[in-house]
């Protein structure tokens, strides 16, 4: 009888989460601390507080930018 191939849990196949802090976002997007604070308070960019420090998921940032993309055409 052939052996069944063992399936891996979904999390083993998942893309690793890249965490970013505010300094990463300042350098990447050239935004001010106030802009980032506004995005958080308006619920535009989810954040995670760990031991008092705020972190953001890179995937959440990509989603924010995609939702607010304007013009440009192309794909």
PDB file of N, CA and C in Angstrom:
ATOM      1  N   UNK A   1       0.847  -1.179   0.000  1.00  0.00           N
ATOM      2  CA  UNK A   1       0.000   0.000   0.000  1.00  0.00           C
ATOM      3  C   UNK A   1       0.895   1.247   0.000  1.00  0.00           C
ATOM      4  N   UNK A   2       0.672   2.196  -0.937  1.00  0.00           N
ATOM      5  CA  UNK A   2       1.520   3.396  -0.986  1.00  0.00           C
ATOM      6  C   UNK A   2       1.320   4.261   0.255  1.00  0.00           C
ATOM      7  N   UNK A   3       2.430   4.824   0.687  1.00  0.00           N
ATOM      8  CA  UNK A   3       2.389   5.719   1.855  1.00  0.00           C
ATOM      9  C   UNK A   3       1.876   7.088   1.432  1.00  0.00           C
ATOM     10  N   UNK A   4       1.068   7.664   2.301  1.00  0.00           N
ATOM     11  CA  UNK A   4       0.581   9.018   2.045  1.00  0.00           C
ATOM     12  C   UNK A   4       1.699  10.006   2.335  1.00  0.00           C
ATOM     13  N   UNK A   5       1.778  11.003   1.496  1.00  0.00           N
ATOM     14  CA  UNK A   5       2.752  12.063   1.710  1.00  0.00           C
ATOM     15  C   UNK A   5       2.257  12.944   2.847  1.00  0.00           C
ATOM     16  N   UNK A   6       3.116  13.184   3.811  1.00  0.00           N
ATOM     17  CA  UNK A   6       2.741  14.002   4.962  1.00  0.00           C
ATOM     18  C   UNK A   6       2.604  15.462   4.528  1.00  0.00           C
ATOM     19  N   UNK A   7       1.467  16.069   4.869  1.00  0.00           N
ATOM     20  CA  UNK A   7       1.244  17.471   4.513  1.00  0.00           C
ATOM     21  C   UNK A   7       1.846  18.382   5.571  1.00  0.00           C
ATOM     22  N   UNK A   8       2.385  19.477   5.110  1.00  0.00           N
ATOM     23  CA  UNK A   8       2.951  20.467   6.019  1.00  0.00           C
ATOM     24  C   UNK A   8       1.858  21.405   6.501  1.00  0.00           C
ATOM     25  N   UNK A   9       1.965  21.849   7.730  1.00  0.00           N
ATOM     26  CA  UNK A   9       1.006  22.866   8.202  1.00  0.00           C
ATOM     27  C   UNK A   9       1.108  24.122   7.349  1.00  0.00           C
ATOM     28  N   UNK A  10       0.007  24.834   7.210  1.00  0.00           N
ATOM     29  CA  UNK A  10      -0.049  26.022   6.351  1.00  0.00           C
ATOM     30  C   UNK A  10       1.014  27.041   6.711  1.00  0.00           C
ATOM     31  N   UNK A  11       1.309  27.188   8.012  1.00  0.00           N
ATOM     32  CA  UNK A  11       2.268  28.226   8.394  1.00  0.00           C
ATOM     33  C   UNK A  11       3.679  27.942   7.903  1.00  0.00           C
ATOM     34  N   UNK A  12       4.015  26.683   7.608  1.00  0.00           N
ATOM     35  CA  UNK A  12       5.335  26.379   7.079  1.00  0.00           C
ATOM     36  C   UNK A  12       5.485  26.874   5.652  1.00  0.00           C
ATOM     37  N   UNK A  13       4.379  26.995   4.937  1.00  0.00           N
ATOM     38  CA  UNK A  13       4.404  27.452   3.550  1.00  0.00           C
ATOM     39  C   UNK A  13       4.174  28.955   3.441  1.00  0.00           C
ATOM     40  N   UNK A  14       3.848  29.582   4.534  1.00  0.00           N
ATOM     41  CA  UNK A  14       3.513  31.010   4.522  1.00  0.00           C
ATOM     42  C   UNK A  14       4.772  31.865   4.320  1.00  0.00           C
ATOM     43  N   UNK A  15       4.560  33.022   3.741  1.00  0.00           N
ATOM     44  CA  UNK A  15       5.643  33.995   3.575  1.00  0.00           C
ATOM     45  C   UNK A  15       5.955  34.585   4.945  1.00  0.00           C
ATOM     46  N   UNK A  16       7.226  34.674   5.297  1.00  0.00           N
ATOM     47  CA  UNK A  16       7.557  35.248   6.612  1.00  0.00           C
ATOM     48  C   UNK A  16       7.109  36.706   6.712  1.00  0.00           C
ATOM     49  N   UNK A  17       6.680  37.096   7.887  1.00  0.00           N
ATOM     50  CA  UNK A  17       6.251  38.474   8.120  1.00  0.00           C
ATOM     51  C   UNK A  17       7.475  39.351   8.306  1.00  0.00           C
ATOM     52  N   UNK A  18       7.492  40.471   7.607  1.00  0.00           N
ATOM     53  CA  UNK A  18       8.568  41.448   7.799  1.00  0.00           C
ATOM     54  C   UNK A  18       7.993  42.576   8.639  1.00  0.00           C
ATOM     55  N   UNK A  19       8.586  42.783   9.800  1.00  0.00           N
ATOM     56  CA  UNK A  19       8.149  43.825  10.717  1.00  0.00           C
ATOM     57  C   UNK A  19       8.982  45.075  10.482  1.00  0.00           C
ATOM     58  N   UNK A  20       8.320  46.225  10.554  1.00  0.00           N
ATOM     59  CA  UNK A  20       8.996  47.505  10.351  1.00  0.00           C
ATOM     60  C   UNK A  20       8.658  48.413  11.521  1.00  0.00           C
ATOM     61  N   UNK A  21       9.603  49.284  11.888  1.00  0.00           N
ATOM     62  CA  UNK A  21       9.306  50.286  12.911  1.00  0.00           C
ATOM     63  C   UNK A  21       9.168  51.643  12.229  1.00  0.00           C
ATOM     64  N   UNK A  22       8.917  52.670  13.024  1.00  0.00           N
ATOM     65  CA  UNK A  22       8.649  53.982  12.424  1.00  0.00           C
ATOM     66  C   UNK A  22       9.846  54.515  11.636  1.00  0.00           C
ATOM     67  N   UNK A  23      11.054  54.222  12.091  1.00  0.00           N
ATOM     68  CA  UNK A  23      12.230  54.706  11.368  1.00  0.00           C
ATOM     69  C   UNK A  23      12.305  54.094   9.973  1.00  0.00           C
ATOM     70  N   UNK A  24      11.942  52.817   9.873  1.00  0.00           N
ATOM     71  CA  UNK A  24      11.909  52.165   8.559  1.00  0.00           C
ATOM     72  C   UNK A  24      10.940  52.891   7.629  1.00  0.00           C
ATOM     73  N   UNK A  25       9.753  53.222   8.163  1.00  0.00           N
ATOM     74  CA  UNK A  25       8.749  53.892   7.333  1.00  0.00           C
ATOM     75  C   UNK A  25       9.166  55.313   6.967  1.00  0.00           C
ATOM     76  N   UNK A  26       9.777  56.030   7.914  1.00  0.00           N
ATOM     77  CA  UNK A  26      10.246  57.392   7.615  1.00  0.00           C
ATOM     78  C   UNK A  26      11.226  57.371   6.444  1.00  0.00           C
ATOM     79  N   UNK A  27      12.170  56.444   6.492  1.00  0.00           N
ATOM     80  CA  UNK A  27      13.200  56.373   5.449  1.00  0.00           C
ATOM     81  C   UNK A  27      12.632  55.879   4.120  1.00  0.00           C
ATOM     82  N   UNK A  28      11.736  54.917   4.178  1.00  0.00           N
ATOM     83  CA  UNK A  28      11.179  54.337   2.969  1.00  0.00           C
ATOM     84  C   UNK A  28      10.234  55.287   2.245  1.00  0.00           C
ATOM     85  N   UNK A  29       9.359  55.964   3.008  1.00  0.00           N
ATOM     86  CA  UNK A  29       8.304  56.776   2.405  1.00  0.00           C
ATOM     87  C   UNK A  29       8.550  58.278   2.462  1.00  0.00           C
ATOM     88  N   UNK A  30       9.574  58.687   3.203  1.00  0.00           N
ATOM     89  CA  UNK A  30       9.871  60.121   3.372  1.00  0.00           C
ATOM     90  C   UNK A  30       8.658  60.858   3.933  1.00  0.00           C
ATOM     91  N   UNK A  31       8.100  60.301   4.996  1.00  0.00           N
ATOM     92  CA  UNK A  31       6.962  60.924   5.672  1.00  0.00           C
ATOM     93  C   UNK A  31       7.386  61.385   7.053  1.00  0.00           C
ATOM     94  N   UNK A  32       6.581  62.249   7.638  1.00  0.00           N
ATOM     95  CA  UNK A  32       6.875  62.753   8.975  1.00  0.00           C
ATOM     96  C   UNK A  32       6.266  61.841  10.033  1.00  0.00           C
ATOM     97  N   UNK A  33       6.691  62.038  11.261  1.00  0.00           N
ATOM     98  CA  UNK A  33       6.136  61.277  12.372  1.00  0.00           C
ATOM     99  C   UNK A  33       4.647  61.588  12.532  1.00  0.00           C
ATOM    100  N   UNK A  34       4.277  62.842  12.298  1.00  0.00           N
ATOM    101  CA  UNK A  34       2.877  63.248  12.412  1.00  0.00           C
ATOM    102  C   UNK A  34       1.994  62.534  11.375  1.00  0.00           C
ATOM    103  N   UNK A  35       2.505  62.398  10.148  1.00  0.00           N
ATOM    104  CA  UNK A  35       1.753  61.684   9.109  1.00  0.00           C
ATOM    105  C   UNK A  35       1.510  60.247   9.535  1.00  0.00           C
ATOM    106  N   UNK A  36       2.542  59.595  10.041  1.00  0.00           N
ATOM    107  CA  UNK A  36       2.407  58.213  10.486  1.00  0.00           C
ATOM    108  C   UNK A  36       1.414  58.108  11.645  1.00  0.00           C
ATOM    109  N   UNK A  37       1.475  59.063  12.545  1.00  0.00           N
ATOM    110  CA  UNK A  37       0.536  59.095  13.669  1.00  0.00           C
ATOM    111  C   UNK A  37      -0.906  59.266  13.162  1.00  0.00           C
ATOM    112  N   UNK A  38      -1.088  60.121  12.177  1.00  0.00           N
ATOM    113  CA  UNK A  38      -2.421  60.314  11.584  1.00  0.00           C
ATOM    114  C   UNK A  38      -2.941  59.025  10.956  1.00  0.00           C
ATOM    115  N   UNK A  39      -2.085  58.317  10.233  1.00  0.00           N
ATOM    116  CA  UNK A  39      -2.492  57.057   9.611  1.00  0.00           C
ATOM    117  C   UNK A  39      -2.940  56.049  10.669  1.00  0.00           C
ATOM    118  N   UNK A  40      -2.208  56.015  11.790  1.00  0.00           N
ATOM    119  CA  UNK A  40      -2.576  55.095  12.875  1.00  0.00           C
ATOM    120  C   UNK A  40      -3.915  55.485  13.478  1.00  0.00           C
ATOM    121  N   UNK A  41      -4.065  56.768  13.807  1.00  0.00           N
ATOM    122  CA  UNK A  41      -5.286  57.212  14.492  1.00  0.00           C
ATOM    123  C   UNK A  41      -6.527  57.112  13.606  1.00  0.00           C
ATOM    124  N   UNK A  42      -6.354  57.228  12.282  1.00  0.00           N
ATOM    125  CA  UNK A  42      -7.473  57.092  11.349  1.00  0.00           C
ATOM    126  C   UNK A  42      -7.739  55.635  10.989  1.00  0.00           C
ATOM    127  N   UNK A  43      -6.905  54.743  11.478  1.00  0.00           N
ATOM    128  CA  UNK A  43      -7.080  53.321  11.184  1.00  0.00           C
ATOM    129  C   UNK A  43      -6.630  52.931   9.788  1.00  0.00           C
ATOM    130  N   UNK A  44      -5.845  53.774   9.149  1.00  0.00           N
ATOM    131  CA  UNK A  44      -5.378  53.481   7.795  1.00  0.00           C
ATOM    132  C   UNK A  44      -4.281  52.424   7.778  1.00  0.00           C
ATOM    133  N   UNK A  45      -3.474  52.393   8.831  1.00  0.00           N
ATOM    134  CA  UNK A  45      -2.356  51.461   8.898  1.00  0.00           C
ATOM    135  C   UNK A  45      -2.380  50.738  10.239  1.00  0.00           C
ATOM    136  N   UNK A  46      -2.698  49.447  10.224  1.00  0.00           N
ATOM    137  CA  UNK A  46      -2.704  48.693  11.484  1.00  0.00           C
ATOM    138  C   UNK A  46      -1.317  48.695  12.117  1.00  0.00           C
ATOM    139  N   UNK A  47      -1.287  48.647  13.433  1.00  0.00           N
ATOM    140  CA  UNK A  47      -0.006  48.618  14.132  1.00  0.00           C
ATOM    141  C   UNK A  47      -0.081  47.648  15.296  1.00  0.00           C
ATOM    142  N   UNK A  48       1.078  47.277  15.778  1.00  0.00           N
ATOM    143  CA  UNK A  48       1.210  46.298  16.844  1.00  0.00           C
ATOM    144  C   UNK A  48       2.175  46.866  17.873  1.00  0.00           C
ATOM    145  N   UNK A  49       1.743  46.900  19.125  1.00  0.00           N
ATOM    146  CA  UNK A  49       2.586  47.447  20.191  1.00  0.00           C
ATOM    147  C   UNK A  49       3.168  46.279  20.977  1.00  0.00           C
ATOM    148  N   UNK A  50       4.482  46.216  21.000  1.00  0.00           N
ATOM    149  CA  UNK A  50       5.192  45.164  21.715  1.00  0.00           C
ATOM    150  C   UNK A  50       6.170  45.824  22.672  1.00  0.00           C
ATOM    151  N   UNK A  51       5.950  45.600  23.961  1.00  0.00           N
ATOM    152  CA  UNK A  51       6.787  46.203  25.016  1.00  0.00           C
ATOM    153  C   UNK A  51       6.916  47.710  24.824  1.00  0.00           C
ATOM    154  N   UNK A  52       5.818  48.347  24.445  1.00  0.00           N
ATOM    155  CA  UNK A  52       5.796  49.798  24.314  1.00  0.00           C
ATOM    156  C   UNK A  52       6.268  50.331  22.976  1.00  0.00           C
ATOM    157  N   UNK A  53       6.842  49.488  22.130  1.00  0.00           N
ATOM    158  CA  UNK A  53       7.315  49.934  20.822  1.00  0.00           C
ATOM    159  C   UNK A  53       6.304  49.524  19.754  1.00  0.00           C
ATOM    160  N   UNK A  54       6.089  50.410  18.783  1.00  0.00           N
ATOM    161  CA  UNK A  54       5.095  50.169  17.733  1.00  0.00           C
ATOM    162  C   UNK A  54       5.782  49.591  16.498  1.00  0.00           C
ATOM    163  N   UNK A  55       5.153  48.535  15.972  1.00  0.00           N
ATOM    164  CA  UNK A  55       5.642  47.888  14.759  1.00  0.00           C
ATOM    165  C   UNK A  55       4.517  47.798  13.741  1.00  0.00           C
ATOM    166  N   UNK A  56       4.917  47.674  12.480  1.00  0.00           N
ATOM    167  CA  UNK A  56       3.983  47.578  11.364  1.00  0.00           C
ATOM    168  C   UNK A  56       4.389  46.385  10.510  1.00  0.00           C
ATOM    169  N   UNK A  57       3.393  45.728   9.917  1.00  0.00           N
ATOM    170  CA  UNK A  57       3.688  44.643   8.982  1.00  0.00           C
ATOM    171  C   UNK A  57       3.900  45.265   7.607  1.00  0.00           C
ATOM    172  N   UNK A  58       4.933  44.812   6.929  1.00  0.00           N
ATOM    173  CA  UNK A  58       5.200  45.300   5.579  1.00  0.00           C
ATOM    174  C   UNK A  58       4.001  45.042   4.670  1.00  0.00           C
ATOM    175  N   UNK A  59       3.337  43.906   4.848  1.00  0.00           N
ATOM    176  CA  UNK A  59       2.172  43.586   4.007  1.00  0.00           C
ATOM    177  C   UNK A  59       1.030  44.577   4.230  1.00  0.00           C
ATOM    178  N   UNK A  60       0.859  45.061   5.473  1.00  0.00           N
ATOM    179  CA  UNK A  60      -0.174  46.071   5.745  1.00  0.00           C
ATOM    180  C   UNK A  60       0.158  47.383   5.048  1.00  0.00           C
ATOM    181  N   UNK A  61       1.438  47.727   5.016  1.00  0.00           N
ATOM    182  CA  UNK A  61       1.865  48.941   4.314  1.00  0.00           C
ATOM    183  C   UNK A  61       1.574  48.814   2.817  1.00  0.00           C
ATOM    184  N   UNK A  62       1.881  47.650   2.240  1.00  0.00           N
ATOM    185  CA  UNK A  62       1.605  47.426   0.813  1.00  0.00           C
ATOM    186  C   UNK A  62       0.109  47.562   0.524  1.00  0.00           C
ATOM    187  N   UNK A  63      -0.710  47.028   1.408  1.00  0.00           N
ATOM    188  CA  UNK A  63      -2.163  47.138   1.230  1.00  0.00           C
ATOM    189  C   UNK A  63      -2.619  48.593   1.280  1.00  0.00           C
ATOM    190  N   UNK A  64      -2.084  49.363   2.223  1.00  0.00           N
ATOM    191  CA  UNK A  64      -2.423  50.788   2.323  1.00  0.00           C
ATOM    192  C   UNK A  64      -2.064  51.514   1.034  1.00  0.00           C
ATOM    193  N   UNK A  65      -0.866  51.288   0.544  1.00  0.00           N
ATOM    194  CA  UNK A  65      -0.424  51.969  -0.670  1.00  0.00           C
ATOM    195  C   UNK A  65      -1.263  51.541  -1.874  1.00  0.00           C
ATOM    196  N   UNK A  66      -1.604  50.265  -1.935  1.00  0.00           N
ATOM    197  CA  UNK A  66      -2.426  49.776  -3.048  1.00  0.00           C
ATOM    198  C   UNK A  66      -3.819  50.397  -3.020  1.00  0.00           C
ATOM    199  N   UNK A  67      -4.411  50.506  -1.820  1.00  0.00           N
ATOM    200  CA  UNK A  67      -5.755  51.098  -1.700  1.00  0.00           C
ATOM    201  C   UNK A  67      -5.781  52.553  -2.128  1.00  0.00           C
ATOM    202  N   UNK A  68      -4.657  53.240  -1.952  1.00  0.00           N
ATOM    203  CA  UNK A  68      -4.626  54.675  -2.243  1.00  0.00           C
ATOM    204  C   UNK A  68      -3.871  55.005  -3.525  1.00  0.00           C
ATOM    205  N   UNK A  69      -3.600  53.984  -4.320  1.00  0.00           N
ATOM    206  CA  UNK A  69      -2.912  54.201  -5.588  1.00  0.00           C
ATOM    207  C   UNK A  69      -3.789  55.041  -6.507  1.00  0.00           C
ATOM    208  N   UNK A  70      -3.166  56.003  -7.185  1.00  0.00           N
ATOM    209  CA  UNK A  70      -3.921  56.860  -8.091  1.00  0.00           C
ATOM    210  C   UNK A  70      -3.242  56.868  -9.458  1.00  0.00           C
ATOM    211  N   UNK A  71      -4.055  56.776 -10.491  1.00  0.00           N
ATOM    212  CA  UNK A  71      -3.547  56.903 -11.856  1.00  0.00           C
ATOM    213  C   UNK A  71      -2.417  55.930 -12.153  1.00  0.00           C
ATOM    214  N   UNK A  72      -1.534  56.335 -13.016  1.00  0.00           N
ATOM    215  CA  UNK A  72      -0.360  55.558 -13.343  1.00  0.00           C
ATOM    216  C   UNK A  72      -0.585  54.490 -14.400  1.00  0.00           C
ATOM    217  N   UNK A  73      -1.811  54.035 -14.561  1.00  0.00           N
ATOM    218  CA  UNK A  73      -2.075  53.002 -15.557  1.00  0.00           C
ATOM    219  C   UNK A  73      -1.218  51.775 -15.283  1.00  0.00           C
ATOM    220  N   UNK A  74      -0.889  51.043 -16.304  1.00  0.00           N
ATOM    221  CA  UNK A  74      -0.024  49.871 -16.180  1.00  0.00           C
ATOM    222  C   UNK A  74      -0.550  48.869 -15.196  1.00  0.00           C
ATOM    223  N   UNK A  75       0.251  47.865 -14.866  1.00  0.00           N
ATOM    224  CA  UNK A  75      -0.221  46.846 -13.984  1.00  0.00           C
ATOM    225  C   UNK A  75       0.777  46.508 -13.026  1.00  0.00           C
TER     226      UNK A  75
END
